[in-house]
Protein backbone atom coordinates (compact mmCIF):
# COMPACT_ATOMS: atom_id res chain seq x y z
CA MET A 1 131.53 97.44 111.31
CA THR A 2 129.86 100.73 110.44
CA SER A 3 126.38 102.10 111.02
CA PRO A 4 123.90 101.47 108.20
CA ARG A 5 123.39 104.14 105.59
CA ILE A 6 119.69 104.91 105.71
CA ALA A 7 117.85 106.31 102.68
CA VAL A 8 114.35 107.79 102.90
CA ILE A 9 112.57 107.92 99.55
CA VAL A 10 109.58 110.26 99.18
CA PRO A 11 107.71 110.96 95.93
CA THR A 12 105.82 114.23 95.63
CA VAL A 13 104.06 116.38 93.08
CA ARG A 14 106.17 119.27 94.35
CA HIS A 15 104.65 122.19 92.46
CA ALA A 16 101.10 121.09 93.24
CA ARG A 17 101.74 120.25 96.90
CA ALA A 18 104.64 122.46 97.99
CA ALA A 19 103.00 123.27 101.32
CA GLN A 20 102.34 119.58 101.96
CA LEU A 21 105.97 118.70 101.33
CA GLU A 22 107.09 121.42 103.74
CA THR A 23 104.68 120.06 106.38
CA PHE A 24 106.10 116.57 105.81
CA LEU A 25 109.71 117.72 106.17
CA ASN A 26 108.95 119.62 109.36
CA ALA A 27 107.14 116.62 110.87
CA TRP A 28 110.06 114.27 110.19
CA ALA A 29 112.97 116.68 110.75
CA GLU A 30 113.83 115.39 114.23
CA GLN A 31 113.91 111.72 113.21
CA PHE A 32 115.76 112.41 109.96
CA SER A 33 118.43 114.23 111.96
CA ALA A 34 118.59 111.66 114.77
CA TYR A 35 119.11 108.75 112.38
CA LYS A 36 121.28 110.70 109.92
CA VAL A 37 119.15 109.70 106.95
CA SER A 38 119.85 110.65 103.36
CA LEU A 39 116.67 112.05 101.83
CA TYR A 40 115.67 111.31 98.24
CA ILE A 41 112.77 113.47 97.06
CA VAL A 42 111.32 112.20 93.79
CA THR A 43 109.41 114.80 91.82
CA ASP A 44 106.59 112.96 90.07
CA SER A 45 105.89 114.65 86.76
CA VAL A 46 106.09 114.04 83.03
CA ALA A 47 109.87 114.35 83.46
CA PRO A 48 110.58 112.91 86.93
CA GLU A 49 113.66 113.89 88.93
CA VAL A 50 115.24 112.75 92.16
CA ASN A 51 117.23 115.33 94.10
CA GLY A 52 117.44 117.37 90.91
CA ARG A 53 118.77 114.52 88.77
CA SER A 54 116.85 113.40 85.71
CA VAL A 55 115.86 109.85 84.78
CA GLN A 56 118.61 109.75 82.14
CA GLN A 57 121.24 110.92 84.61
CA VAL A 58 120.33 108.22 87.12
CA MET A 59 119.35 105.33 84.88
CA GLY A 60 121.30 106.01 81.71
CA THR A 61 119.81 105.72 78.24
CA SER A 62 119.66 101.93 78.32
CA TYR A 63 117.48 101.73 81.44
CA ALA A 64 115.50 104.99 81.40
CA ASP A 65 112.36 103.17 80.27
CA LEU A 66 112.25 101.34 83.62
CA ILE A 67 110.88 104.51 85.26
CA TYR A 68 107.13 105.11 85.07
CA SER A 69 105.70 108.39 86.34
CA LYS A 70 102.37 109.67 87.69
CA ASN A 71 101.99 106.61 89.97
CA ASP A 72 103.81 104.66 92.68
CA GLY A 73 106.26 103.33 90.12
CA VAL A 74 108.13 106.64 90.14
CA ARG A 75 109.67 105.56 93.48
CA ASN A 76 111.94 103.27 91.51
CA LEU A 77 113.93 106.35 90.52
CA GLY A 78 114.62 107.18 94.15
CA PHE A 79 115.40 103.55 94.95
CA ALA A 80 117.86 103.44 92.04
CA LEU A 81 119.82 106.53 93.08
CA ALA A 82 119.91 105.50 96.75
CA TYR A 83 121.20 102.08 95.68
CA GLN A 84 123.92 103.64 93.51
CA GLU A 85 124.97 105.83 96.44
CA GLY A 86 125.37 102.82 98.73
CA ALA A 87 122.26 102.85 100.93
CA ASP A 88 121.94 99.84 103.24
CA ILE A 89 118.39 100.50 104.50
CA PHE A 90 115.60 101.92 102.34
CA ILE A 91 112.57 103.59 103.93
CA SER A 92 109.70 104.55 101.65
CA LEU A 93 107.19 107.16 102.83
CA ASP A 94 104.42 109.23 101.27
CA ASP A 95 104.52 113.01 101.57
CA ASP A 96 101.23 113.08 103.49
CA VAL A 97 102.28 110.94 106.46
CA ALA A 98 103.65 111.98 109.86
CA PRO A 99 105.51 109.84 112.40
CA CYS A 100 103.72 108.03 115.20
CA GLY A 101 106.29 107.78 117.96
CA ASP A 102 109.74 106.66 116.82
CA THR A 103 108.70 105.38 113.39
CA ILE A 104 112.17 105.13 111.88
CA GLY A 105 113.61 103.58 115.02
CA ASP A 106 110.76 101.07 115.10
CA HIS A 107 111.53 100.05 111.50
CA LEU A 108 115.25 99.70 112.28
CA ARG A 109 114.58 97.60 115.36
CA ALA A 110 112.29 95.36 113.31
CA LEU A 111 115.00 94.92 110.68
CA ASP A 112 117.50 94.06 113.39
CA SER A 113 115.43 91.14 114.66
CA ARG A 114 114.78 87.49 113.90
CA VAL A 115 111.30 85.96 113.88
CA PRO A 116 109.52 82.67 113.20
CA ILE A 117 108.19 82.04 109.69
CA SER A 118 107.20 78.35 109.94
CA TYR A 119 104.91 78.74 112.96
CA MET A 120 102.44 81.49 113.86
CA ASN A 121 101.93 82.67 117.42
CA SER A 122 98.46 83.35 118.82
CA VAL A 123 99.31 86.69 120.46
CA ASP A 124 101.78 89.56 120.02
CA ASP A 125 105.06 90.08 121.86
CA VAL A 126 105.28 86.88 123.97
CA TYR A 127 105.24 83.23 122.89
CA MET A 128 102.48 81.00 124.16
CA ARG A 129 102.92 77.52 125.64
CA GLY A 130 103.89 75.00 123.01
CA PHE A 131 105.54 77.40 120.58
CA PRO A 132 108.77 75.62 119.53
CA TYR A 133 111.91 77.24 120.89
CA HIS A 134 113.90 76.35 117.80
CA ALA A 135 111.59 78.50 115.64
CA ARG A 136 111.55 81.65 117.74
CA ASN A 137 114.59 83.19 116.04
CA GLU A 138 114.20 81.32 112.80
CA ALA A 139 114.58 84.00 110.12
CA GLU A 140 116.30 87.34 109.53
CA VAL A 141 113.84 90.20 109.06
CA VAL A 142 114.60 91.97 105.78
CA PHE A 143 111.31 93.82 105.17
CA SER A 144 109.19 95.84 107.61
CA HIS A 145 105.68 96.75 106.44
CA GLY A 146 104.37 99.63 108.51
CA LEU A 147 100.76 100.55 109.18
CA TRP A 148 98.80 103.77 109.58
CA HIS A 149 96.49 105.73 111.78
CA GLY A 150 94.06 108.18 110.26
CA VAL A 151 93.20 107.35 106.64
CA TYR A 152 93.77 103.66 105.83
CA ASP A 153 94.70 102.11 102.49
CA PHE A 154 91.33 100.88 101.23
CA ASP A 155 90.40 100.18 97.65
CA ALA A 156 87.66 102.34 96.15
CA SER A 157 84.84 99.82 96.52
CA THR A 158 85.55 99.27 100.21
CA GLN A 159 85.89 102.99 100.85
CA LEU A 160 82.56 103.75 99.17
CA VAL A 161 80.82 101.16 101.34
CA LEU A 162 82.61 101.63 104.68
CA GLY A 163 84.06 105.13 104.48
CA THR A 164 87.38 105.32 106.33
CA PRO A 165 87.09 103.28 109.53
CA GLU A 166 90.05 102.61 111.86
CA PRO A 167 90.79 98.87 111.68
CA ARG A 168 92.56 96.98 114.44
CA HIS A 169 96.30 96.69 113.83
CA ARG A 170 98.07 93.36 113.44
CA LYS A 171 101.68 93.11 114.61
CA MET A 172 103.19 89.89 113.36
CA PRO A 173 105.71 88.12 111.15
CA VAL A 174 104.16 87.11 107.84
CA PRO A 175 104.49 83.31 107.61
CA CYS A 176 106.48 81.72 104.81
CA GLY A 177 104.30 80.95 101.80
CA ILE A 178 101.69 83.57 102.73
CA LYS A 179 101.19 86.77 100.75
CA MET A 180 99.93 90.08 102.14
CA PRO A 181 99.02 93.38 100.46
CA VAL A 182 102.00 95.71 100.81
CA CYS A 183 101.41 99.47 100.71
CA VAL A 184 104.60 101.34 99.86
CA MET A 185 103.67 104.52 101.77
CA ASN A 186 105.39 103.18 104.94
CA VAL A 187 107.89 100.37 104.44
CA ALA A 188 111.54 99.71 105.28
CA PHE A 189 113.76 97.05 103.78
CA LYS A 190 117.33 95.92 103.41
CA ARG A 191 119.44 96.50 100.33
CA LYS A 192 119.55 92.84 99.36
CA VAL A 193 115.81 92.66 98.61
CA LEU A 194 115.68 95.67 96.26
CA PRO A 195 116.37 93.54 93.14
CA ALA A 196 112.97 91.89 93.75
CA TYR A 197 111.20 95.09 94.78
CA TYR A 198 110.68 96.89 91.48
CA GLN A 199 107.41 98.84 91.67
CA ALA A 200 105.20 97.40 88.93
CA PRO A 201 104.73 99.57 85.83
CA MET A 202 101.42 101.39 85.64
CA TYR A 203 100.30 102.79 82.28
CA GLY A 204 97.21 103.25 80.17
CA ASP A 205 94.20 102.08 82.14
CA ILE A 206 96.29 100.01 84.59
CA ASN A 207 96.72 101.93 87.84
CA ARG A 208 96.86 101.69 91.67
CA PHE A 209 98.48 98.24 91.77
CA ALA A 210 102.18 99.12 91.47
CA ASP A 211 102.96 98.46 95.13
CA ILE A 212 100.53 95.55 95.46
CA TRP A 213 102.13 93.54 92.66
CA SER A 214 105.67 94.44 93.68
CA GLY A 215 104.67 93.23 97.15
CA TRP A 216 103.65 89.84 95.78
CA GLU A 217 107.02 89.58 94.04
CA VAL A 218 109.20 90.64 96.97
CA LYS A 219 107.40 88.26 99.35
CA ASP A 220 108.10 85.34 97.01
CA PHE A 221 111.77 86.38 96.92
CA ILE A 222 111.92 86.66 100.71
CA ASP A 223 110.35 83.21 101.10
CA GLN A 224 112.79 81.66 98.65
CA HIS A 225 115.69 82.86 100.82
CA ARG A 226 113.99 81.87 104.09
CA TRP A 227 114.09 85.49 105.26
CA ALA A 228 111.19 87.28 106.95
CA MET A 229 108.71 90.10 106.38
CA VAL A 230 107.01 91.64 109.40
CA ASN A 231 103.85 93.71 109.63
CA GLY A 232 102.76 96.48 112.00
CA TYR A 233 105.96 97.17 113.94
CA ALA A 234 106.11 100.83 112.84
CA THR A 235 103.25 103.25 112.25
CA VAL A 236 102.59 106.65 110.70
CA HIS A 237 99.64 109.00 110.62
CA HIS A 238 98.15 109.28 107.13
CA ARG A 239 96.28 112.53 106.56
CA ARG A 240 95.02 112.77 103.01
CA ALA A 241 92.14 110.64 101.72
CA SER A 242 92.01 110.14 97.96
CA ASN A 243 88.77 110.41 96.00
CA PRO A 244 87.06 106.98 95.93
CA PHE A 245 85.13 107.78 92.75
CA VAL A 246 88.34 108.68 90.91
CA ASN A 247 90.03 105.59 92.35
CA LEU A 248 87.15 103.36 91.25
CA VAL A 249 87.91 104.22 87.62
CA LYS A 250 91.67 103.87 88.14
CA GLU A 251 91.33 100.45 89.79
CA ALA A 252 88.78 98.94 87.40
CA ARG A 253 91.21 97.24 85.00
CA GLY A 254 93.60 96.04 87.68
CA ILE A 255 91.02 94.36 89.91
CA GLN A 256 90.57 91.33 87.66
CA MET A 257 94.29 91.26 86.83
CA ASN A 258 95.00 91.11 90.54
CA GLU A 259 92.71 88.10 90.88
CA ASP A 260 94.64 86.40 88.05
CA TYR A 261 98.07 87.64 89.16
CA GLY A 262 100.95 86.07 87.29
CA ASN A 263 98.77 84.49 84.58
CA GLY A 264 101.14 83.91 81.66
CA ASP A 265 98.32 84.50 79.17
CA ILE A 266 98.10 88.15 80.20
CA PRO A 267 100.71 90.16 78.22
CA TYR A 268 101.17 92.67 81.02
CA PHE A 269 102.74 90.10 83.34
CA THR A 270 105.20 89.00 80.67
CA LYS A 271 106.24 92.64 80.27
CA TYR A 272 106.53 93.12 84.02
CA ARG A 273 108.80 90.11 84.39
CA ASP A 274 111.02 91.40 81.57
CA LEU A 275 111.25 94.83 83.22
CA MET A 276 112.06 93.13 86.54
CA ARG A 277 114.88 91.21 84.88
CA ARG A 278 116.30 94.45 83.46
CA TRP A 279 115.91 96.19 86.82
CA GLN A 280 118.06 93.47 88.37
CA GLU A 281 120.57 93.87 85.55
CA PHE A 282 120.71 97.63 86.18
CA LEU A 283 121.26 97.18 89.92
CA SER A 284 123.96 94.57 89.39
CA THR A 285 125.98 97.07 87.34
CA HIS A 286 125.62 99.80 89.99
CA ASP A 287 126.38 97.86 93.17
CA ASN A 288 129.02 99.93 94.93
CA SER A 289 128.38 98.59 98.44
CA SER A 290 131.16 96.64 100.10
CA SER A 291 130.88 97.57 103.79
CA THR A 292 129.68 95.35 106.62
CA VAL A 293 127.02 97.10 108.69
CA THR A 294 125.18 96.54 111.93
CA LEU A 295 121.82 97.90 113.01
CA ALA A 296 122.61 97.64 116.71
C-alpha cells in the first residue's frame, strides 16, 4: 500500500488579493510540506484557471459548461484536475484561512477513523454508559467538515442581527438521515465521494448556496452507502468578514429555494441534477486511480 495523494484546492481572486494569497501560502507552508500535498490554486475570474490550465484544457469542450465562476462553484475546476491527476484525499480551503494546530493532520486522522451513525453519543471523545459496543465503529468516515475560529459562516440576516459572535464548537459524527450545512472553506473528503460533491451552479440572482446545496447532496450519497460525515475535528482561523449588506442581496433568491430544496417544480433543481449527472459522467471518463492507499 502507498501513502494517500493529498490535494489542497484553493480558489482565489489572485490579481485582487495577491497579498492575501501570499499570506495564506506562508501560513500553510509547513503543513503543505509535512504532508506532501499537491496544491491546486484556482483563479476565479471570467476565464478561470487552475495551476495555469484553462477550463477547456481541464474539462474539454463537452464539459466546460460545468464550471461556474465568481462563486464557490469555481472549486469544481480544481476538484476536476486533482481527480484526473489521481488525488486520493481532497482538502478544500479558502485563501483567507490559517491553520489552527495540525489542521491537515486532524482531517486525515478523522478520515482514517470509524464512527457511529445510527446512535448519537451525549458527549465528545468517550462513550457513555449504554452506548452499544457494536455501533462504536459502525461506519467509515469519508467526509470531514471542519470549523473555524475568528469569523464564522453566518448568513447575512444573522450577521446583521448578531454581528460575528464565537459559537461553541460541536465535535461529532453526523447521524445517518440528518443533514447539516456544509461550508466548503474547510473540508476534507475521500475520492469516492467526489461524484456526489459537485458545487451547485450559481448564476443570475442565485448566489451563496453552492456549497450548502452540494452539502445536502453529498450527505444523501454518504447515507446511501452507510458511510460517515464528521463535524468539528479540524479547525482553521478565518480572518476576512464579508459585507452583510452585499450578502443580503446575494442570498435573497436562494433563501426560499433552500427552504424548498429539491422541489421538482423549480427549474433550477432539474438543471442542477442534470449537471450533476454530467459531472459524474466526466469523472467516470477521467478515473486514473488504481492504487490501494492507507491513511495510517
